[in-house]
């Protein structure tokens, strides 16, 4: 996900962690996005928010993040993970709603 500023990114990330839809969010400042919107090429400074969750929660995560996000069409993408440290993956499962894989 991208966010327009640190306050927005932090607020959305905190809500999603509190609601157990994600285990963790990493906020990466200094992203410049160039895109076409409503017929014009735009450029904006944003933050990249990398969220860790389970595939079973993606639909609910996308819906809730979109609800919290100020953009009309927020960037919400799922990137498949080829692997990960078993202990970290267990922690993600334990910290997200319902636990388990």
N, C-alpha and C. Protein backbone atom coordinates (compact mmCIF):
# COMPACT_ATOMS: atom_id res chain seq x y z
N UNK A 1 0.85 -1.16 0.00
CA UNK A 1 0.00 0.00 0.00
C UNK A 1 0.90 1.23 0.00
N UNK A 2 0.43 2.29 -0.61
CA UNK A 2 1.09 3.58 -0.45
C UNK A 2 0.16 4.50 0.34
N UNK A 3 0.77 5.50 0.97
CA UNK A 3 0.01 6.48 1.75
C UNK A 3 0.58 7.87 1.47
N UNK A 4 -0.25 8.90 1.59
CA UNK A 4 0.19 10.24 1.24
C UNK A 4 1.17 10.87 2.23
N UNK A 5 1.16 10.40 3.48
CA UNK A 5 2.04 10.99 4.49
C UNK A 5 2.21 10.01 5.65
N UNK A 6 3.17 10.31 6.52
CA UNK A 6 3.50 9.42 7.63
C UNK A 6 2.34 9.25 8.61
N UNK A 7 1.64 10.33 8.88
CA UNK A 7 0.52 10.26 9.83
C UNK A 7 -0.57 9.30 9.33
N UNK A 8 -0.91 9.40 8.05
CA UNK A 8 -1.91 8.52 7.47
C UNK A 8 -1.43 7.07 7.47
N UNK A 9 -0.20 6.85 7.06
CA UNK A 9 0.36 5.50 7.02
C UNK A 9 0.35 4.88 8.41
N UNK A 10 0.80 5.64 9.39
CA UNK A 10 0.87 5.15 10.77
C UNK A 10 -0.53 4.84 11.31
N UNK A 11 -1.48 5.71 11.04
CA UNK A 11 -2.84 5.53 11.54
C UNK A 11 -3.48 4.27 10.96
N UNK A 12 -3.35 4.08 9.65
CA UNK A 12 -3.93 2.89 9.01
C UNK A 12 -3.23 1.63 9.50
N UNK A 13 -1.90 1.66 9.55
CA UNK A 13 -1.13 0.49 9.98
C UNK A 13 -1.50 0.10 11.41
N UNK A 14 -1.57 1.07 12.29
CA UNK A 14 -1.91 0.79 13.69
C UNK A 14 -3.30 0.17 13.81
N UNK A 15 -4.27 0.71 13.08
CA UNK A 15 -5.63 0.17 13.12
C UNK A 15 -5.65 -1.28 12.64
N UNK A 16 -4.93 -1.56 11.56
CA UNK A 16 -4.93 -2.92 11.00
C UNK A 16 -4.23 -3.92 11.92
N UNK A 17 -3.18 -3.46 12.63
CA UNK A 17 -2.53 -4.34 13.62
C UNK A 17 -3.47 -4.56 14.79
N UNK A 18 -4.09 -3.49 15.29
CA UNK A 18 -5.01 -3.62 16.42
C UNK A 18 -6.18 -4.54 16.09
N UNK A 19 -6.64 -4.50 14.84
CA UNK A 19 -7.75 -5.35 14.42
C UNK A 19 -7.30 -6.75 14.01
N UNK A 20 -6.00 -7.03 14.12
CA UNK A 20 -5.40 -8.33 13.83
C UNK A 20 -5.56 -8.76 12.38
N UNK A 21 -5.69 -7.79 11.48
CA UNK A 21 -5.73 -8.10 10.06
C UNK A 21 -4.32 -8.21 9.48
N UNK A 22 -3.35 -7.58 10.16
CA UNK A 22 -1.94 -7.72 9.81
C UNK A 22 -1.15 -7.93 11.09
N UNK A 23 -0.01 -8.58 10.97
CA UNK A 23 0.87 -8.77 12.12
C UNK A 23 1.83 -7.60 12.26
N UNK A 24 2.18 -6.98 11.15
CA UNK A 24 3.21 -5.95 11.14
C UNK A 24 3.07 -5.10 9.88
N UNK A 25 3.46 -3.84 10.00
CA UNK A 25 3.55 -2.96 8.84
C UNK A 25 4.88 -2.24 8.91
N UNK A 26 5.61 -2.22 7.81
CA UNK A 26 6.86 -1.47 7.72
C UNK A 26 6.59 -0.23 6.87
N UNK A 27 6.85 0.94 7.43
CA UNK A 27 6.61 2.21 6.73
C UNK A 27 7.92 2.68 6.12
N UNK A 28 7.93 2.81 4.80
CA UNK A 28 9.14 3.17 4.06
C UNK A 28 8.93 4.55 3.46
N UNK A 29 9.61 5.58 4.00
CA UNK A 29 9.45 6.93 3.46
C UNK A 29 10.27 7.12 2.19
N UNK A 30 10.03 8.24 1.52
CA UNK A 30 10.86 8.62 0.39
C UNK A 30 10.48 8.00 -0.94
N UNK A 31 9.24 7.56 -1.09
CA UNK A 31 8.78 6.97 -2.34
C UNK A 31 8.19 8.08 -3.21
N UNK A 32 8.55 8.09 -4.46
CA UNK A 32 7.93 9.01 -5.42
C UNK A 32 7.12 8.17 -6.39
N UNK A 33 5.84 8.46 -6.51
CA UNK A 33 4.97 7.73 -7.43
C UNK A 33 4.63 8.63 -8.61
N UNK A 34 4.75 8.08 -9.81
CA UNK A 34 4.37 8.78 -11.03
C UNK A 34 3.28 7.94 -11.68
N UNK A 35 2.15 8.54 -11.96
CA UNK A 35 0.99 7.78 -12.40
C UNK A 35 0.06 8.68 -13.22
N UNK A 36 -0.84 8.05 -13.94
CA UNK A 36 -1.86 8.79 -14.68
C UNK A 36 -3.14 8.74 -13.86
N UNK A 37 -3.75 9.90 -13.64
CA UNK A 37 -5.00 9.98 -12.89
C UNK A 37 -5.89 11.02 -13.55
N UNK A 38 -7.08 10.58 -13.91
CA UNK A 38 -8.08 11.45 -14.53
C UNK A 38 -7.49 12.20 -15.73
N UNK A 39 -6.73 11.47 -16.55
CA UNK A 39 -6.21 12.00 -17.80
C UNK A 39 -4.91 12.77 -17.72
N UNK A 40 -4.38 12.98 -16.53
CA UNK A 40 -3.15 13.74 -16.39
C UNK A 40 -2.07 12.90 -15.72
N UNK A 41 -0.83 13.12 -16.11
CA UNK A 41 0.28 12.44 -15.45
C UNK A 41 0.61 13.23 -14.18
N UNK A 42 0.60 12.52 -13.06
CA UNK A 42 0.81 13.12 -11.75
C UNK A 42 2.09 12.57 -11.12
N UNK A 43 2.61 13.30 -10.16
CA UNK A 43 3.76 12.85 -9.38
C UNK A 43 3.50 13.22 -7.93
N UNK A 44 3.74 12.26 -7.02
CA UNK A 44 3.45 12.51 -5.61
C UNK A 44 4.48 11.83 -4.72
N UNK A 45 4.84 12.51 -3.64
CA UNK A 45 5.66 11.91 -2.59
C UNK A 45 4.73 11.05 -1.73
N UNK A 46 5.13 9.83 -1.47
CA UNK A 46 4.30 8.92 -0.68
C UNK A 46 5.19 8.08 0.23
N UNK A 47 4.55 7.30 1.08
CA UNK A 47 5.22 6.28 1.87
C UNK A 47 4.75 4.94 1.36
N UNK A 48 5.64 3.98 1.32
CA UNK A 48 5.28 2.61 1.00
C UNK A 48 5.03 1.90 2.32
N UNK A 49 3.93 1.19 2.41
CA UNK A 49 3.58 0.45 3.62
C UNK A 49 3.54 -1.03 3.25
N UNK A 50 4.50 -1.79 3.78
CA UNK A 50 4.58 -3.22 3.52
C UNK A 50 3.93 -3.93 4.70
N UNK A 51 2.82 -4.63 4.44
CA UNK A 51 2.05 -5.26 5.50
C UNK A 51 2.18 -6.78 5.42
N UNK A 52 2.28 -7.41 6.58
CA UNK A 52 2.42 -8.86 6.63
C UNK A 52 1.15 -9.48 7.21
N UNK A 53 0.57 -10.41 6.45
CA UNK A 53 -0.66 -11.07 6.86
C UNK A 53 -0.72 -12.47 6.27
N UNK A 54 -1.85 -13.11 6.44
CA UNK A 54 -2.09 -14.44 5.86
C UNK A 54 -3.00 -14.30 4.65
N UNK A 55 -2.84 -15.15 3.64
CA UNK A 55 -3.69 -15.08 2.44
C UNK A 55 -5.18 -15.10 2.77
N UNK A 56 -5.57 -15.83 3.79
CA UNK A 56 -6.99 -15.94 4.14
C UNK A 56 -7.59 -14.60 4.56
N UNK A 57 -6.76 -13.65 4.94
CA UNK A 57 -7.26 -12.35 5.41
C UNK A 57 -7.21 -11.26 4.35
N UNK A 58 -6.72 -11.56 3.16
CA UNK A 58 -6.52 -10.52 2.15
C UNK A 58 -7.80 -9.76 1.80
N UNK A 59 -8.87 -10.46 1.56
CA UNK A 59 -10.11 -9.80 1.16
C UNK A 59 -10.57 -8.81 2.24
N UNK A 60 -10.56 -9.24 3.48
CA UNK A 60 -10.96 -8.36 4.59
C UNK A 60 -9.97 -7.23 4.79
N UNK A 61 -8.68 -7.54 4.65
CA UNK A 61 -7.65 -6.52 4.78
C UNK A 61 -7.83 -5.43 3.73
N UNK A 62 -8.02 -5.82 2.47
CA UNK A 62 -8.20 -4.85 1.40
C UNK A 62 -9.43 -3.98 1.67
N UNK A 63 -10.52 -4.59 2.07
CA UNK A 63 -11.75 -3.84 2.32
C UNK A 63 -11.55 -2.83 3.46
N UNK A 64 -10.93 -3.27 4.54
CA UNK A 64 -10.75 -2.38 5.70
C UNK A 64 -9.74 -1.27 5.39
N UNK A 65 -8.64 -1.62 4.72
CA UNK A 65 -7.63 -0.61 4.38
C UNK A 65 -8.23 0.44 3.45
N UNK A 66 -9.02 0.00 2.49
CA UNK A 66 -9.67 0.95 1.57
C UNK A 66 -10.63 1.87 2.32
N UNK A 67 -11.30 1.32 3.31
CA UNK A 67 -12.23 2.10 4.12
C UNK A 67 -11.49 3.18 4.92
N UNK A 68 -10.30 2.86 5.41
CA UNK A 68 -9.52 3.79 6.23
C UNK A 68 -8.71 4.79 5.40
N UNK A 69 -8.48 4.47 4.15
CA UNK A 69 -7.56 5.23 3.30
C UNK A 69 -8.23 6.48 2.71
N UNK A 70 -7.48 7.60 2.61
CA UNK A 70 -8.08 8.81 2.06
C UNK A 70 -8.18 8.83 0.53
N UNK A 71 -7.43 7.97 -0.16
CA UNK A 71 -7.48 7.98 -1.63
C UNK A 71 -8.77 7.37 -2.13
N UNK A 72 -9.25 7.87 -3.25
CA UNK A 72 -10.43 7.29 -3.90
C UNK A 72 -10.15 5.85 -4.34
N UNK A 73 -8.95 5.62 -4.86
CA UNK A 73 -8.54 4.28 -5.30
C UNK A 73 -7.15 4.01 -4.70
N UNK A 74 -7.10 3.49 -3.48
CA UNK A 74 -5.79 3.23 -2.87
C UNK A 74 -5.07 2.06 -3.53
N UNK A 75 -3.74 2.15 -3.52
CA UNK A 75 -2.92 1.06 -4.04
C UNK A 75 -2.88 -0.04 -2.98
N UNK A 76 -3.55 -1.14 -3.27
CA UNK A 76 -3.56 -2.30 -2.38
C UNK A 76 -3.25 -3.52 -3.24
N UNK A 77 -2.08 -4.08 -3.05
CA UNK A 77 -1.62 -5.22 -3.84
C UNK A 77 -1.15 -6.33 -2.92
N UNK A 78 -1.34 -7.56 -3.35
CA UNK A 78 -0.81 -8.72 -2.62
C UNK A 78 0.34 -9.29 -3.43
N UNK A 79 1.46 -9.46 -2.77
CA UNK A 79 2.64 -10.02 -3.40
C UNK A 79 2.90 -11.38 -2.75
N UNK A 80 2.93 -12.44 -3.55
CA UNK A 80 3.14 -13.76 -2.95
C UNK A 80 4.53 -13.90 -2.36
N UNK A 81 4.62 -14.61 -1.26
CA UNK A 81 5.89 -14.87 -0.59
C UNK A 81 6.33 -16.27 -0.94
N UNK A 82 7.53 -16.40 -1.49
CA UNK A 82 8.06 -17.71 -1.89
C UNK A 82 8.51 -18.52 -0.68
N UNK A 83 8.84 -17.85 0.40
CA UNK A 83 9.29 -18.55 1.60
C UNK A 83 9.58 -17.55 2.69
N UNK A 84 9.91 -18.06 3.85
CA UNK A 84 10.22 -17.19 4.97
C UNK A 84 10.71 -18.00 6.14
N UNK A 85 11.37 -17.35 7.06
CA UNK A 85 11.82 -18.00 8.28
C UNK A 85 10.60 -18.59 8.98
N UNK A 86 10.64 -19.87 9.28
CA UNK A 86 9.47 -20.55 9.87
C UNK A 86 8.97 -19.86 11.13
N UNK A 87 9.88 -19.43 11.98
CA UNK A 87 9.47 -18.77 13.22
C UNK A 87 8.74 -17.46 12.93
N UNK A 88 9.20 -16.71 11.93
CA UNK A 88 8.53 -15.46 11.57
C UNK A 88 7.15 -15.73 11.01
N UNK A 89 7.04 -16.72 10.14
CA UNK A 89 5.75 -17.07 9.55
C UNK A 89 4.76 -17.52 10.62
N UNK A 90 5.24 -18.27 11.61
CA UNK A 90 4.38 -18.67 12.73
C UNK A 90 3.90 -17.45 13.49
N UNK A 91 4.82 -16.50 13.72
CA UNK A 91 4.46 -15.28 14.45
C UNK A 91 3.38 -14.50 13.70
N UNK A 92 3.52 -14.37 12.38
CA UNK A 92 2.50 -13.68 11.58
C UNK A 92 1.16 -14.38 11.75
N UNK A 93 1.16 -15.70 11.68
CA UNK A 93 -0.09 -16.46 11.84
C UNK A 93 -0.68 -16.25 13.23
N UNK A 94 0.16 -16.26 14.26
CA UNK A 94 -0.32 -16.10 15.63
C UNK A 94 -0.87 -14.70 15.89
N UNK A 95 -0.28 -13.69 15.25
CA UNK A 95 -0.67 -12.31 15.51
C UNK A 95 -1.84 -11.82 14.66
N UNK A 96 -2.24 -12.59 13.69
CA UNK A 96 -3.37 -12.20 12.87
C UNK A 96 -4.60 -12.98 13.29
N UNK A 97 -5.75 -12.44 13.00
CA UNK A 97 -7.02 -12.98 13.47
C UNK A 97 -7.12 -14.47 13.27
N UNK A 98 -7.41 -15.17 14.33
CA UNK A 98 -7.65 -16.61 14.25
C UNK A 98 -6.40 -17.47 14.29
N UNK A 99 -5.23 -16.87 14.02
CA UNK A 99 -3.99 -17.65 13.99
C UNK A 99 -4.04 -18.73 12.94
N UNK A 100 -3.12 -19.63 12.97
CA UNK A 100 -3.06 -20.72 11.97
C UNK A 100 -2.70 -20.21 10.60
N UNK A 101 -2.52 -21.11 9.65
CA UNK A 101 -2.14 -20.73 8.29
C UNK A 101 -3.35 -20.61 7.48
